[in-house]
């Protein structure tokens, strides 16, 4: 990437064209997307909430233990 960027800035199109490769576009499997959509939505919503609640419980427990007289 960096070499291509430097060659582009130096306007050496010959070197960029030599290294250019053909890219094949990989299409997504629509059936697999439909099957896993709900799972990923729940994971992306529930995981941060669970981590936040867990952090809050641990932080509260440590704070109570530290300041208990």
N, C-alpha and C. Protein backbone atom coordinates (compact mmCIF):
# COMPACT_ATOMS: atom_id res chain seq x y z
N UNK A 1 0.82 -1.19 0.00
CA UNK A 1 0.00 0.00 0.00
C UNK A 1 0.86 1.25 0.00
N UNK A 2 1.83 1.27 0.90
CA UNK A 2 2.69 2.45 1.01
C UNK A 2 3.49 2.68 -0.27
N UNK A 3 3.98 1.59 -0.84
CA UNK A 3 4.74 1.71 -2.09
C UNK A 3 3.86 2.25 -3.21
N UNK A 4 2.63 1.78 -3.30
CA UNK A 4 1.71 2.30 -4.31
C UNK A 4 1.39 3.76 -4.07
N UNK A 5 1.24 4.17 -2.81
CA UNK A 5 0.94 5.57 -2.50
C UNK A 5 2.10 6.48 -2.90
N UNK A 6 3.33 6.05 -2.62
CA UNK A 6 4.50 6.85 -3.00
C UNK A 6 4.62 6.94 -4.51
N UNK A 7 4.42 5.84 -5.20
CA UNK A 7 4.49 5.86 -6.66
C UNK A 7 3.39 6.73 -7.26
N UNK A 8 2.22 6.73 -6.65
CA UNK A 8 1.14 7.59 -7.14
C UNK A 8 1.51 9.06 -6.95
N UNK A 9 2.08 9.39 -5.80
CA UNK A 9 2.47 10.77 -5.55
C UNK A 9 3.60 11.22 -6.47
N UNK A 10 4.46 10.29 -6.86
CA UNK A 10 5.54 10.61 -7.79
C UNK A 10 5.09 10.55 -9.24
N UNK A 11 3.85 10.16 -9.46
CA UNK A 11 3.24 10.09 -10.79
C UNK A 11 3.98 9.11 -11.69
N UNK A 12 4.32 7.96 -11.14
CA UNK A 12 4.96 6.91 -11.92
C UNK A 12 3.90 5.85 -12.23
N UNK A 13 3.09 6.12 -13.21
CA UNK A 13 1.97 5.22 -13.53
C UNK A 13 2.44 3.88 -14.07
N UNK A 14 3.59 3.84 -14.70
CA UNK A 14 4.09 2.59 -15.24
C UNK A 14 4.33 1.55 -14.16
N UNK A 15 4.90 1.98 -13.04
CA UNK A 15 5.17 1.04 -11.95
C UNK A 15 3.89 0.57 -11.28
N UNK A 16 2.92 1.45 -11.18
CA UNK A 16 1.65 1.05 -10.56
C UNK A 16 0.94 0.04 -11.45
N UNK A 17 0.95 0.25 -12.76
CA UNK A 17 0.27 -0.66 -13.68
C UNK A 17 0.93 -2.02 -13.73
N UNK A 18 2.23 -2.09 -13.51
CA UNK A 18 2.93 -3.38 -13.50
C UNK A 18 2.46 -4.22 -12.32
N UNK A 19 2.30 -3.59 -11.17
CA UNK A 19 1.94 -4.33 -9.96
C UNK A 19 0.43 -4.54 -9.82
N UNK A 20 -0.36 -3.96 -10.66
CA UNK A 20 -1.81 -4.08 -10.48
C UNK A 20 -2.24 -5.53 -10.67
N UNK A 21 -3.19 -5.92 -9.88
CA UNK A 21 -3.68 -7.29 -9.90
C UNK A 21 -5.18 -7.27 -10.15
N UNK A 22 -5.69 -8.38 -10.62
CA UNK A 22 -7.13 -8.48 -10.80
C UNK A 22 -7.76 -8.89 -9.48
N UNK A 23 -8.82 -8.22 -9.14
CA UNK A 23 -9.52 -8.53 -7.91
C UNK A 23 -10.83 -9.22 -8.24
N UNK A 24 -11.11 -10.28 -7.53
CA UNK A 24 -12.38 -10.97 -7.68
C UNK A 24 -13.27 -10.57 -6.51
N UNK A 25 -14.45 -10.08 -6.82
CA UNK A 25 -15.37 -9.63 -5.78
C UNK A 25 -16.11 -10.85 -5.24
N UNK A 26 -16.01 -11.05 -3.95
CA UNK A 26 -16.70 -12.17 -3.32
C UNK A 26 -18.05 -11.67 -2.80
N UNK A 27 -19.10 -12.24 -3.31
CA UNK A 27 -20.44 -11.84 -2.89
C UNK A 27 -20.83 -12.59 -1.63
N UNK A 28 -21.67 -11.96 -0.83
CA UNK A 28 -22.11 -12.56 0.42
C UNK A 28 -23.21 -13.57 0.17
N UNK A 29 -23.23 -14.59 0.99
CA UNK A 29 -24.25 -15.63 0.91
C UNK A 29 -25.51 -15.11 1.60
N UNK A 30 -26.56 -14.85 0.82
CA UNK A 30 -27.78 -14.24 1.36
C UNK A 30 -28.49 -15.16 2.35
N UNK A 31 -28.44 -16.47 2.15
CA UNK A 31 -29.09 -17.40 3.07
C UNK A 31 -28.40 -17.37 4.43
N UNK A 32 -27.09 -17.35 4.42
CA UNK A 32 -26.34 -17.32 5.68
C UNK A 32 -26.57 -16.00 6.40
N UNK A 33 -26.67 -14.91 5.66
CA UNK A 33 -26.95 -13.61 6.27
C UNK A 33 -28.29 -13.63 6.97
N UNK A 34 -29.30 -14.17 6.30
CA UNK A 34 -30.65 -14.22 6.88
C UNK A 34 -30.68 -15.09 8.14
N UNK A 35 -29.93 -16.19 8.14
CA UNK A 35 -29.92 -17.09 9.29
C UNK A 35 -29.24 -16.47 10.50
N UNK A 36 -28.18 -15.73 10.28
CA UNK A 36 -27.38 -15.23 11.40
C UNK A 36 -27.67 -13.78 11.77
N UNK A 37 -28.62 -13.14 11.11
CA UNK A 37 -28.91 -11.73 11.34
C UNK A 37 -29.36 -11.48 12.78
N UNK A 38 -30.32 -12.27 13.25
CA UNK A 38 -30.85 -12.08 14.60
C UNK A 38 -29.79 -12.34 15.66
N UNK A 39 -28.98 -13.36 15.44
CA UNK A 39 -27.93 -13.69 16.40
C UNK A 39 -26.97 -12.52 16.57
N UNK A 40 -26.54 -11.92 15.47
CA UNK A 40 -25.58 -10.83 15.55
C UNK A 40 -26.21 -9.56 16.12
N UNK A 41 -27.50 -9.34 15.82
CA UNK A 41 -28.18 -8.18 16.39
C UNK A 41 -28.27 -8.31 17.91
N UNK A 42 -28.66 -9.48 18.39
CA UNK A 42 -28.75 -9.70 19.84
C UNK A 42 -27.38 -9.59 20.50
N UNK A 43 -26.38 -10.15 19.86
CA UNK A 43 -25.03 -10.09 20.42
C UNK A 43 -24.54 -8.65 20.52
N UNK A 44 -24.78 -7.85 19.49
CA UNK A 44 -24.32 -6.47 19.48
C UNK A 44 -25.10 -5.57 20.43
N UNK A 45 -26.30 -5.97 20.80
CA UNK A 45 -27.07 -5.19 21.77
C UNK A 45 -26.83 -5.69 23.19
N UNK A 46 -26.86 -7.00 23.38
CA UNK A 46 -26.80 -7.57 24.72
C UNK A 46 -25.39 -7.56 25.32
N UNK A 47 -24.38 -7.84 24.54
CA UNK A 47 -23.03 -7.94 25.08
C UNK A 47 -22.55 -6.64 25.73
N UNK A 48 -22.70 -5.48 25.09
CA UNK A 48 -22.28 -4.25 25.77
C UNK A 48 -23.08 -3.98 27.04
N UNK A 49 -24.37 -4.30 27.03
CA UNK A 49 -25.18 -4.09 28.23
C UNK A 49 -24.73 -4.99 29.37
N UNK A 50 -24.44 -6.25 29.06
CA UNK A 50 -23.98 -7.18 30.08
C UNK A 50 -22.63 -6.75 30.62
N UNK A 51 -21.72 -6.34 29.75
CA UNK A 51 -20.40 -5.89 30.21
C UNK A 51 -20.51 -4.64 31.07
N UNK A 52 -21.39 -3.72 30.69
CA UNK A 52 -21.58 -2.51 31.47
C UNK A 52 -22.17 -2.82 32.85
N UNK A 53 -23.16 -3.70 32.89
CA UNK A 53 -23.75 -4.09 34.17
C UNK A 53 -22.73 -4.81 35.04
N UNK A 54 -21.95 -5.68 34.46
CA UNK A 54 -20.93 -6.41 35.21
C UNK A 54 -19.88 -5.45 35.77
N UNK A 55 -19.44 -4.49 34.97
CA UNK A 55 -18.49 -3.49 35.43
C UNK A 55 -19.09 -2.68 36.58
N UNK A 56 -20.36 -2.30 36.46
CA UNK A 56 -21.02 -1.53 37.51
C UNK A 56 -21.12 -2.30 38.81
N UNK A 57 -21.46 -3.57 38.74
CA UNK A 57 -21.56 -4.40 39.94
C UNK A 57 -20.20 -4.55 40.60
N UNK A 58 -19.18 -4.83 39.82
CA UNK A 58 -17.83 -4.99 40.38
C UNK A 58 -17.34 -3.68 40.98
N UNK A 59 -17.54 -2.57 40.27
CA UNK A 59 -17.10 -1.27 40.77
C UNK A 59 -17.82 -0.92 42.07
N UNK A 60 -19.12 -1.18 42.12
CA UNK A 60 -19.90 -0.89 43.33
C UNK A 60 -19.44 -1.77 44.50
N UNK A 61 -19.16 -3.03 44.24
CA UNK A 61 -18.69 -3.94 45.28
C UNK A 61 -17.34 -3.47 45.83
N UNK A 62 -16.43 -3.09 44.95
CA UNK A 62 -15.11 -2.61 45.39
C UNK A 62 -15.24 -1.32 46.19
N UNK A 63 -16.12 -0.43 45.73
CA UNK A 63 -16.30 0.85 46.42
C UNK A 63 -16.88 0.63 47.82
N UNK A 64 -17.87 -0.25 47.94
CA UNK A 64 -18.46 -0.53 49.25
C UNK A 64 -17.43 -1.17 50.19
N UNK A 65 -16.64 -2.07 49.65
CA UNK A 65 -15.64 -2.75 50.46
C UNK A 65 -14.55 -1.77 50.91
N UNK A 66 -14.19 -0.82 50.06
CA UNK A 66 -13.12 0.13 50.36
C UNK A 66 -13.57 1.13 51.43
N UNK A 67 -14.81 1.62 51.34
CA UNK A 67 -15.26 2.67 52.24
C UNK A 67 -16.09 2.17 53.41
N UNK A 68 -16.23 0.87 53.57
CA UNK A 68 -16.97 0.33 54.71
C UNK A 68 -16.15 0.53 55.98
N UNK A 69 -16.79 1.03 56.99
CA UNK A 69 -16.06 1.29 58.24
C UNK A 69 -16.25 0.20 59.25
